[in-house]
Protein backbone atom coordinates (compact mmCIF):
# COMPACT_ATOMS: atom_id res chain seq x y z
CA MET A 1 -6.09 41.70 12.06
CA SER A 2 -6.71 39.29 9.35
CA GLN A 3 -4.83 39.21 6.41
CA GLU A 4 -5.92 41.17 3.11
CA PRO A 5 -6.66 39.28 0.36
CA ALA A 6 -4.47 39.10 -2.52
CA SER A 7 -6.12 41.17 -5.53
CA ASP A 8 -7.07 39.37 -8.82
CA ALA A 9 -4.45 41.44 -10.51
CA GLU A 10 -1.86 40.40 -8.01
CA ARG A 11 -2.53 36.74 -8.50
CA SER A 12 -2.62 37.08 -12.08
CA ARG A 13 0.55 38.31 -12.40
CA GLY A 14 2.00 35.09 -11.62
CA ASP A 15 5.54 36.65 -10.24
CA VAL A 16 8.01 34.11 -8.84
CA MET A 17 7.85 34.04 -5.01
CA VAL A 18 10.23 31.58 -4.02
CA ARG A 19 13.32 30.65 -6.35
CA VAL A 20 15.36 27.64 -5.67
CA ARG A 21 18.56 26.87 -7.41
CA ASP A 22 20.68 23.89 -6.77
CA LEU A 23 19.40 23.29 -3.48
CA ARG A 24 21.58 20.48 -1.85
CA THR A 25 20.79 18.83 1.57
CA TYR A 26 23.17 16.21 2.58
CA TYR A 27 23.55 14.43 5.87
CA ASP A 28 26.66 13.04 7.32
CA ASP A 29 26.80 10.02 9.88
CA ASP A 30 29.40 11.79 12.20
CA GLY A 31 31.08 8.50 12.59
CA LEU A 32 34.88 7.48 13.29
CA PHE A 33 35.49 6.59 9.73
CA SER A 34 34.51 9.10 6.79
CA SER A 35 31.93 8.34 4.14
CA ALA A 36 29.79 9.93 1.53
CA PRO A 37 27.14 11.77 2.91
CA VAL A 38 23.19 10.89 2.38
CA LYS A 39 22.17 13.16 -0.61
CA ALA A 40 18.64 13.72 0.31
CA VAL A 41 18.15 16.61 -1.71
CA ASP A 42 20.68 16.80 -4.58
CA GLY A 43 20.73 19.94 -6.64
CA VAL A 44 17.41 20.73 -7.40
CA SER A 45 16.27 24.12 -9.19
CA PHE A 46 12.65 25.47 -9.64
CA ASP A 47 10.57 28.54 -8.96
CA ILE A 48 7.40 28.84 -7.08
CA LYS A 49 5.09 31.71 -8.36
CA ARG A 50 3.04 33.92 -6.06
CA GLY A 51 -0.64 32.56 -5.27
CA GLU A 52 -0.06 28.92 -7.04
CA THR A 53 0.27 25.43 -5.48
CA LEU A 54 3.28 23.30 -6.68
CA GLY A 55 2.78 19.84 -6.24
CA LEU A 56 5.90 17.50 -5.20
CA VAL A 57 5.50 13.81 -5.97
CA GLY A 58 7.54 10.89 -5.70
CA GLU A 59 8.22 7.50 -4.04
CA SER A 60 8.72 7.36 -0.54
CA GLY A 61 12.69 8.27 0.71
CA CYS A 62 12.88 10.28 -2.43
CA GLY A 63 13.64 13.45 -0.69
CA LYS A 64 10.29 15.52 -0.68
CA THR A 65 9.76 15.94 2.82
CA THR A 66 13.40 17.28 3.36
CA LEU A 67 13.11 19.45 0.60
CA GLY A 68 10.16 21.16 1.99
CA ARG A 69 11.68 21.32 5.47
CA THR A 70 14.60 22.66 3.68
CA LEU A 71 12.61 25.51 2.34
CA VAL A 72 11.26 26.77 5.47
CA GLN A 73 14.82 26.14 7.12
CA LEU A 74 13.76 23.23 9.41
CA GLU A 75 16.65 21.62 7.88
CA SER A 76 19.95 23.50 6.81
CA ALA A 77 20.84 23.53 3.29
CA THR A 78 24.23 22.03 2.45
CA GLY A 79 24.49 24.27 -0.89
CA GLY A 80 22.48 25.97 -3.00
CA GLU A 81 20.04 29.19 -2.61
CA VAL A 82 16.36 29.53 -1.52
CA LEU A 83 15.56 33.03 -2.46
CA PHE A 84 12.32 34.49 -1.14
CA ASP A 85 11.40 37.87 -3.08
CA GLY A 86 15.23 38.32 -3.36
CA ARG A 87 16.33 37.14 -0.04
CA ASP A 88 18.46 34.13 0.45
CA ALA A 89 16.68 32.25 3.32
CA THR A 90 19.85 29.88 3.79
CA GLU A 91 21.96 32.88 4.76
CA LEU A 92 19.46 33.95 7.70
CA SER A 93 20.38 33.29 11.22
CA GLY A 94 19.14 34.45 14.66
CA ARG A 95 16.39 37.78 14.58
CA GLU A 96 16.44 37.82 10.97
CA LEU A 97 15.50 34.22 10.76
CA ALA A 98 12.93 34.56 13.12
CA GLU A 99 11.41 37.44 11.40
CA TRP A 100 11.39 35.85 7.97
CA ARG A 101 9.53 32.74 9.48
CA ARG A 102 6.49 34.78 9.96
CA ASP A 103 6.11 34.51 6.21
CA THR A 104 6.89 30.86 5.77
CA GLN A 105 4.92 28.07 7.61
CA ILE A 106 4.56 24.44 7.43
CA VAL A 107 1.78 21.86 8.08
CA PHE A 108 2.86 18.42 9.27
CA GLN A 109 1.81 15.21 7.92
CA ASP A 110 0.58 13.60 11.30
CA PRO A 111 -2.07 15.41 13.15
CA ASP A 112 -1.48 13.08 16.10
CA SER A 113 2.25 13.73 16.70
CA SER A 114 2.28 17.70 15.80
CA LEU A 115 0.27 19.07 18.41
CA ASN A 116 1.00 19.15 22.42
CA ASP A 117 -1.56 17.00 24.11
CA ARG A 118 -0.86 18.94 27.33
CA MET A 119 -1.77 22.09 25.62
CA THR A 120 -5.29 23.51 25.02
CA VAL A 121 -6.17 24.16 21.41
CA GLY A 122 -6.16 27.99 22.41
CA GLU A 123 -2.62 27.64 23.73
CA ILE A 124 -1.39 25.72 20.57
CA VAL A 125 -2.98 28.36 18.40
CA ARG A 126 -1.83 31.14 20.15
CA GLU A 127 1.93 29.76 20.81
CA PRO A 128 2.97 31.44 17.66
CA LEU A 129 1.67 34.75 18.43
CA ASP A 130 3.21 34.61 22.26
CA VAL A 131 6.64 34.02 20.63
CA HIS A 132 6.60 36.69 18.25
CA ASP A 133 4.90 39.04 21.27
CA TRP A 134 1.92 39.87 18.47
CA GLY A 135 -0.51 42.46 20.10
CA THR A 136 -1.62 42.16 23.60
CA ALA A 137 -3.22 39.16 25.31
CA ARG A 138 -6.95 40.13 24.59
CA GLU A 139 -5.76 40.75 21.17
CA ARG A 140 -4.10 37.46 20.75
CA ARG A 141 -7.13 35.47 22.21
CA GLN A 142 -9.40 37.04 20.10
CA ARG A 143 -7.16 36.55 17.10
CA VAL A 144 -6.99 32.60 17.77
CA ARG A 145 -11.10 32.32 18.09
CA GLU A 146 -11.09 34.05 14.54
CA LEU A 147 -8.63 31.60 13.26
CA LEU A 148 -10.78 28.53 14.49
CA ASP A 149 -13.65 29.85 12.95
CA THR A 150 -12.11 30.26 9.74
CA VAL A 151 -10.90 26.50 9.51
CA GLY A 152 -14.43 25.39 10.62
CA LEU A 153 -14.01 24.75 14.43
CA LYS A 154 -16.25 26.34 17.41
CA PRO A 155 -15.27 28.90 19.56
CA GLU A 156 -15.88 26.44 22.89
CA HIS A 157 -13.01 24.13 21.50
CA TYR A 158 -10.53 27.01 22.75
CA TYR A 159 -10.25 25.35 26.04
CA ARG A 160 -10.23 21.83 24.96
CA TYR A 161 -6.99 19.37 24.34
CA PRO A 162 -6.26 17.83 21.01
CA HIS A 163 -6.99 14.28 22.19
CA GLN A 164 -10.54 15.19 22.11
CA PHE A 165 -10.81 15.87 18.82
CA SER A 166 -10.78 13.65 15.61
CA GLY A 167 -8.00 13.11 13.23
CA GLY A 168 -9.59 15.95 10.52
CA GLN A 169 -10.11 18.26 13.37
CA ARG A 170 -6.69 18.22 14.69
CA GLN A 171 -5.50 18.66 11.19
CA ARG A 172 -7.73 21.86 11.34
CA ILE A 173 -6.00 23.04 14.66
CA GLY A 174 -2.66 22.54 13.08
CA ILE A 175 -3.77 24.37 9.87
CA ALA A 176 -5.09 27.61 12.42
CA ARG A 177 -1.70 27.60 14.08
CA THR A 178 0.00 27.83 10.74
CA LEU A 179 -2.12 30.89 9.99
CA THR A 180 -1.47 33.08 12.92
CA LEU A 181 1.14 35.08 11.77
CA GLU A 182 -0.24 35.72 8.40
CA PRO A 183 2.38 33.80 6.23
CA GLU A 184 2.39 34.14 2.56
CA PHE A 185 4.07 30.83 1.71
CA ILE A 186 3.10 27.28 3.22
CA VAL A 187 4.52 23.98 3.01
CA LEU A 188 1.82 21.06 3.10
CA ASP A 189 3.88 18.17 4.14
CA GLU A 190 1.41 15.28 2.91
CA PRO A 191 -1.56 17.17 5.08
CA VAL A 192 -4.26 14.72 4.23
CA SER A 193 -2.40 11.18 4.00
CA ALA A 194 -3.14 10.26 7.55
CA LEU A 195 -7.08 11.03 7.32
CA ASP A 196 -10.05 9.18 5.98
CA VAL A 197 -11.01 9.73 2.52
CA SER A 198 -14.30 11.69 3.56
CA VAL A 199 -12.17 13.88 5.60
CA GLN A 200 -9.73 14.37 3.14
CA ALA A 201 -12.01 16.00 0.85
CA GLU A 202 -12.97 18.53 3.59
CA VAL A 203 -9.64 19.61 4.41
CA ILE A 204 -8.64 19.86 0.89
CA ASN A 205 -11.50 21.87 0.29
CA LEU A 206 -10.47 24.16 3.20
CA LEU A 207 -6.85 24.40 1.88
CA GLU A 208 -8.25 25.86 -1.49
CA ASP A 209 -10.78 28.12 0.47
CA LEU A 210 -7.87 29.54 2.54
CA GLN A 211 -5.47 30.16 -0.44
CA GLU A 212 -8.16 32.18 -2.21
CA GLU A 213 -9.01 34.09 0.82
CA PHE A 214 -5.63 35.07 1.88
CA GLY A 215 -3.71 34.78 -1.30
CA LEU A 216 -1.52 31.95 0.22
CA THR A 217 1.32 30.05 -2.17
CA TYR A 218 1.85 26.27 -1.23
CA LEU A 219 4.09 23.59 -1.79
CA PHE A 220 1.76 20.46 -1.70
CA ILE A 221 3.49 17.14 -1.09
CA ALA A 222 1.86 14.07 -1.50
CA HIS A 223 1.84 10.66 -2.48
CA ASP A 224 -1.94 10.55 -3.58
CA LEU A 225 -1.73 11.64 -7.36
CA SER A 226 -5.48 12.07 -7.58
CA VAL A 227 -5.22 14.64 -4.69
CA VAL A 228 -2.17 16.25 -6.64
CA ARG A 229 -4.25 16.43 -9.70
CA HIS A 230 -7.34 18.07 -7.95
CA ILE A 231 -5.34 21.05 -6.09
CA CYS A 232 -2.07 21.79 -7.82
CA ASP A 233 -1.36 24.30 -10.77
CA ARG A 234 2.21 22.48 -11.50
CA VAL A 235 3.72 19.34 -10.24
CA ALA A 236 7.50 18.28 -9.80
CA VAL A 237 8.43 14.68 -9.98
CA MET A 238 11.22 13.87 -7.64
CA TYR A 239 13.27 10.89 -7.47
CA LEU A 240 16.80 10.39 -5.45
CA GLY A 241 16.96 13.94 -4.44
CA ASN A 242 16.57 15.26 -8.29
CA ILE A 243 13.52 16.73 -9.89
CA MET A 244 12.87 14.24 -12.95
CA GLU A 245 10.10 16.46 -14.38
CA LEU A 246 8.19 19.79 -13.87
CA GLY A 247 5.05 21.30 -15.78
CA PRO A 248 1.65 22.05 -15.50
CA THR A 249 -0.67 19.55 -13.65
CA GLU A 250 -3.12 18.61 -16.50
CA GLU A 251 -0.46 18.30 -19.24
CA LEU A 252 1.90 16.32 -17.05
CA PHE A 253 -0.93 14.01 -16.19
CA THR A 254 -2.36 13.38 -19.65
CA ASP A 255 0.98 13.58 -21.56
CA PRO A 256 3.84 12.31 -19.06
CA ALA A 257 7.59 13.14 -20.71
CA ASN A 258 9.93 11.70 -18.51
CA PRO A 259 9.94 7.35 -18.07
CA TYR A 260 9.85 7.89 -14.20
CA THR A 261 6.87 10.21 -14.57
CA HIS A 262 5.27 7.30 -16.92
CA SER A 263 5.91 4.63 -14.09
CA LEU A 264 4.40 6.62 -11.39
CA LEU A 265 1.32 7.52 -13.38
CA SER A 266 0.87 3.69 -14.27
CA ALA A 267 0.69 2.83 -10.58
CA ILE A 268 -2.85 4.80 -10.34
CA PRO A 269 -5.67 2.38 -9.35
CA LYS A 270 -8.38 2.53 -12.19
CA PRO A 271 -12.08 2.41 -11.03
CA ASP A 272 -12.91 -0.50 -13.34
CA PRO A 273 -10.96 -3.64 -12.05
CA THR A 274 -11.68 -5.48 -15.12
CA ALA A 275 -9.98 -2.68 -17.35
CA LYS A 276 -6.69 -3.58 -18.94
CA ARG A 277 -4.01 -2.41 -16.83
CA ASP A 278 -0.77 -0.89 -18.55
CA ARG A 279 1.48 -0.79 -15.20
CA ILE A 280 4.98 -0.30 -15.65
CA THR A 281 6.85 -2.38 -12.82
CA LEU A 282 10.02 -0.95 -11.97
CA GLN A 283 13.11 -3.54 -11.38
CA GLY A 284 15.02 -3.30 -8.04
CA THR A 285 14.76 -0.61 -5.52
CA PRO A 286 16.22 3.18 -5.63
CA PRO A 287 19.75 3.29 -5.48
CA ASN A 288 21.68 3.82 -2.08
CA PRO A 289 21.38 7.83 -1.58
CA ARG A 290 25.11 7.63 -0.52
CA HIS A 291 26.03 6.60 -3.82
CA PRO A 292 23.77 7.70 -6.28
CA PRO A 293 24.54 7.03 -10.22
CA THR A 294 26.97 9.00 -11.91
CA GLY A 295 24.68 9.88 -14.93
CA CYS A 296 21.05 10.05 -14.75
CA PRO A 297 19.46 9.56 -11.29
CA PHE A 298 16.77 7.15 -12.82
CA SER A 299 19.11 5.16 -15.10
CA THR A 300 19.57 2.07 -12.74
CA ARG A 301 15.94 1.36 -13.04
CA CYS A 302 14.45 2.92 -16.04
CA PRO A 303 12.69 0.94 -18.23
CA ALA A 304 13.57 3.12 -21.14
CA ARG A 305 17.34 3.39 -20.59
CA ILE A 306 19.35 3.96 -23.93
CA ARG A 307 21.22 0.94 -25.16
CA PRO A 308 24.60 1.12 -27.25
CA GLU A 309 23.51 0.81 -30.80
CA GLU A 310 24.85 -2.71 -31.19
CA TYR A 311 22.61 -4.02 -28.46
CA ARG A 312 19.28 -1.98 -29.39
CA HIS A 313 17.83 -5.45 -30.45
CA LEU A 314 18.89 -7.41 -27.43
CA ASP A 315 15.92 -9.17 -25.68
CA ASP A 316 14.19 -6.80 -22.99
CA GLU A 317 14.63 -9.55 -20.01
CA LEU A 318 18.04 -10.12 -20.90
CA TRP A 319 19.01 -6.32 -21.11
CA THR A 320 17.05 -5.94 -17.72
CA ARG A 321 18.99 -8.86 -15.84
CA ILE A 322 22.41 -7.26 -17.06
CA GLY A 323 21.28 -4.38 -15.43
CA THR A 324 20.71 -6.10 -12.35
CA LEU A 325 23.74 -7.75 -12.44
CA ARG A 326 25.54 -4.27 -12.31
CA GLU A 327 23.56 -3.12 -9.73
CA VAL A 328 24.44 -6.26 -7.50
CA LEU A 329 28.25 -5.66 -8.05
CA ARG A 330 27.78 -2.08 -7.32
CA GLU A 331 26.37 -3.08 -3.72
CA ARG A 332 29.16 -5.85 -3.40
CA GLU A 333 31.96 -3.39 -4.21
CA ARG A 334 30.51 -0.87 -1.45
CA ALA A 335 29.65 -3.25 1.17
CA ASP A 336 31.40 -3.14 4.31
CA ARG A 337 33.12 -6.79 4.76
CA THR A 338 33.80 -7.75 8.20
CA VAL A 339 37.38 -9.55 9.20
CA THR A 340 35.36 -12.67 9.44
CA GLU A 341 34.17 -12.37 6.07
CA ARG A 342 37.58 -11.66 4.32
CA ILE A 343 38.95 -14.38 6.33
CA ARG A 344 36.53 -16.84 4.95
CA GLY A 345 36.69 -15.34 1.49
CA LEU A 346 40.44 -15.94 1.65
CA LEU A 347 39.58 -19.69 2.68
CA GLY A 348 37.25 -19.93 -0.20
CA ARG A 349 34.24 -20.42 2.28
CA GLU A 350 30.87 -18.96 1.73
CA SER A 351 30.08 -15.54 3.26
CA ARG A 352 26.80 -13.22 3.23
CA PHE A 353 28.05 -12.12 -0.35
CA GLY A 354 27.64 -15.70 -1.92
CA THR A 355 29.35 -16.35 -4.95
CA ILE A 356 29.49 -15.01 -8.44
CA ASP A 357 28.32 -18.34 -9.90
CA GLU A 358 25.15 -18.09 -7.74
CA VAL A 359 24.44 -14.73 -8.96
CA TYR A 360 24.83 -15.91 -12.68
CA GLU A 361 22.70 -19.09 -12.05
CA GLU A 362 20.03 -16.97 -10.91
CA LEU A 363 19.94 -14.23 -13.66
CA PHE A 364 21.24 -16.10 -16.40
CA ALA A 365 20.38 -19.72 -15.99
CA ASP A 366 17.47 -19.85 -18.36
CA GLN A 367 18.47 -17.04 -20.71
CA GLU A 368 20.01 -17.87 -24.11
CA LEU A 369 22.98 -15.61 -24.39
CA PRO A 370 24.60 -14.09 -27.71
CA GLU A 371 28.39 -15.14 -27.95
CA ASP A 372 29.63 -11.43 -27.46
CA VAL A 373 27.26 -11.04 -24.39
CA GLU A 374 28.15 -14.38 -22.86
CA ALA A 375 32.30 -13.41 -23.35
CA THR A 376 31.65 -10.27 -21.59
CA LEU A 377 29.91 -11.79 -18.80
CA ASP A 378 32.39 -14.49 -18.42
CA GLU A 379 35.23 -11.93 -18.23
CA THR A 380 33.24 -10.00 -15.54
CA ALA A 381 33.13 -13.06 -13.61
CA ASP A 382 36.58 -13.99 -13.78
CA HIS A 383 37.30 -10.32 -12.24
CA VAL A 384 34.62 -10.82 -9.47
CA ARG A 385 36.13 -14.39 -8.34
CA SER A 386 39.61 -12.29 -8.08
CA GLY A 387 37.97 -9.99 -5.86
CA ASP A 388 37.96 -6.86 -8.25
CA GLU A 389 34.29 -5.81 -8.55
CA GLU A 390 35.86 -2.45 -9.72
CA THR A 391 37.41 -3.79 -12.68
CA ALA A 392 34.33 -5.94 -13.45
CA LEU A 393 31.93 -3.02 -13.38
CA GLU A 394 34.36 -1.28 -15.86
CA VAL A 395 34.00 -4.09 -18.10
CA LEU A 396 30.30 -4.19 -18.02
CA PHE A 397 30.32 -0.31 -18.55
CA GLU A 398 32.32 -0.45 -21.45
CA THR A 399 30.14 -3.18 -23.13
CA PHE A 400 26.75 -2.29 -22.24
CA GLY A 401 27.00 1.33 -20.85
CA SER A 402 25.09 4.32 -22.32
CA VAL A 403 24.80 7.97 -22.38
CA CYS A 404 22.33 7.60 -19.59
CA GLU A 405 25.18 6.58 -17.08
CA GLY A 406 27.38 9.10 -18.30
CA ARG A 407 25.27 12.73 -18.52
CA VAL A 408 27.04 14.30 -15.36
CA PRO A 409 30.60 13.60 -14.74
CA ASP A 410 30.44 14.34 -11.10
CA GLU A 411 33.48 12.83 -9.46
CA ASP A 412 34.48 15.92 -7.69
CA ARG A 413 30.83 16.06 -6.45
CA SER A 414 30.04 12.61 -5.13
CA GLU A 415 32.03 12.74 -2.22
CA ASP A 416 32.51 16.28 -1.49
CA ALA A 417 29.21 18.17 -0.36
CA ASP A 418 31.09 21.51 -1.14
CA ALA A 419 32.26 20.82 -4.63
CA GLU A 420 31.09 22.85 -7.49
CA PRO A 421 27.96 21.31 -8.82
CA VAL A 422 27.31 20.47 -12.20
CA GLU A 423 24.13 21.76 -13.68
CA PRO A 424 21.81 18.65 -14.92
CA ASP A 425 20.52 18.45 -18.50
CA TYR A 426 17.14 19.56 -18.40
CA TYR A 427 14.86 19.57 -21.82
CA GLU A 428 11.92 21.54 -22.50
CA VAL A 429 9.18 19.33 -23.72
CA SER A 430 6.46 21.44 -24.59
CA PRO A 431 5.60 25.24 -25.43
CA SER A 432 4.32 25.65 -21.85
CA GLY A 433 8.20 25.23 -20.46
CA ARG A 434 7.40 21.82 -19.25
CA ARG A 435 11.04 20.03 -18.73
CA SER A 436 12.53 16.58 -18.21
CA LEU A 437 15.54 15.15 -16.82
CA CYS A 438 15.82 12.54 -19.73
CA HIS A 439 18.30 12.02 -22.56
CA ARG A 440 15.86 10.92 -24.97
CA HIS A 441 14.34 14.63 -25.07
CA ASP A 442 17.73 15.97 -26.16
CA PRO A 443 16.83 17.77 -29.61
CA ASP A 444 20.37 17.10 -30.83
CA ALA A 445 20.43 13.45 -30.48
CA ASP A 446 18.38 10.91 -32.42
CA TYR A 447 16.53 9.01 -29.68
CA ARG A 448 13.19 7.82 -29.79
CA ASP A 449 10.74 9.41 -27.08
CA PRO A 450 10.30 7.69 -24.13
CA GLY A 451 6.66 7.01 -24.25
CA GLN A 452 6.91 5.26 -27.64
CA VAL A 453 9.80 2.80 -26.20
CA LEU A 454 7.60 2.29 -23.10
CA ASP A 455 4.43 1.54 -25.36
CA GLU A 456 6.62 -1.39 -27.26
CA ARG A 457 8.47 -2.98 -24.10
CA HIS A 458 5.38 -2.85 -21.45
CA ARG A 459 2.14 -2.10 -23.22
């Protein structure tokens, strides 16, 4: 009844099990007034090899969990393909989808809320077998007892309830339930983040043992980069619904390529509190996923954003504040103004948007501005005062814009979930096939490596 472990030959081949191509998962608010969809996953492509563990990391809200849930069809894809051994899971429905789900499972983040406290452990683990009418009742009970033993629980736990177990034990119950139908591919959605550190190690070791025993393939979603480094063969770094860098784990940790990867790794705590910290602090917050940047997803916060030639030597602090101004104006342009605020604006009174003079005072009062920069900022302010944020942004872009903001001309895609997508410009950055979504890796352009730029500006 137990799944036959994969042979060494099968594991060593490393053939592709999961092939994701331009996967998109968008959400509409279904309101009275049409608006841009939330682009939780915005055109990602990658492969997962049979028997490997692919890590998926990134800030909260970047789309990691949505991507994992879309792979196992708990969320519906807006576009793209999810190919499992050549079959597109996004096109399955009904009985085909139910049969396919035997091979793909998910372990949820919170072991407390993922288990039904009104069911015994035996009933919880046996439920998938009942749904799929697997074997006889006696065979199902025996199968559950075998799985409880496999994940480190005891036979007498069969009749107990989830509230009688610790967090680590509850997660073991969830893992046992996941294994009941002998899946080949499992999404692990931060399976240890809610557990104590000592228990985390036990669960991680269990997952590694199960992978070896049953020949499992994992997508491992996590915030803890040290755990990712320990368990994963390759790592995908995600930001604002996009894969920014993907490659072998140790190579990515020791020699990061993408500026966003640099910033994530710089935030890993060091065991020596007196050691010099090379922390890269990102300015601002991630953009609204309804209105992502038209170019590189990271362009609005990137500390290595490519500058126009004439502003290469501009003071770093001033350059950062000009970028902040652009984001302030973007938000003002998109914000919904109530009738009251519009009337107050017409009467020259203050609203929640404040005035451009207040913004300038905050950003540039202590800055020494070159004449050409000051002239551009003055022109920008005049347009804002007249209520024309769109033209103000155009002025800023014409002067301070760069290739980073213009990489993907996706006007047709920005508001239309069904529009033909534009493939991003990924560049291979090592012989291993590691790739990065960053213009600075373009071999046909004369740009410095992101690491060199960040060393100069932040270390």
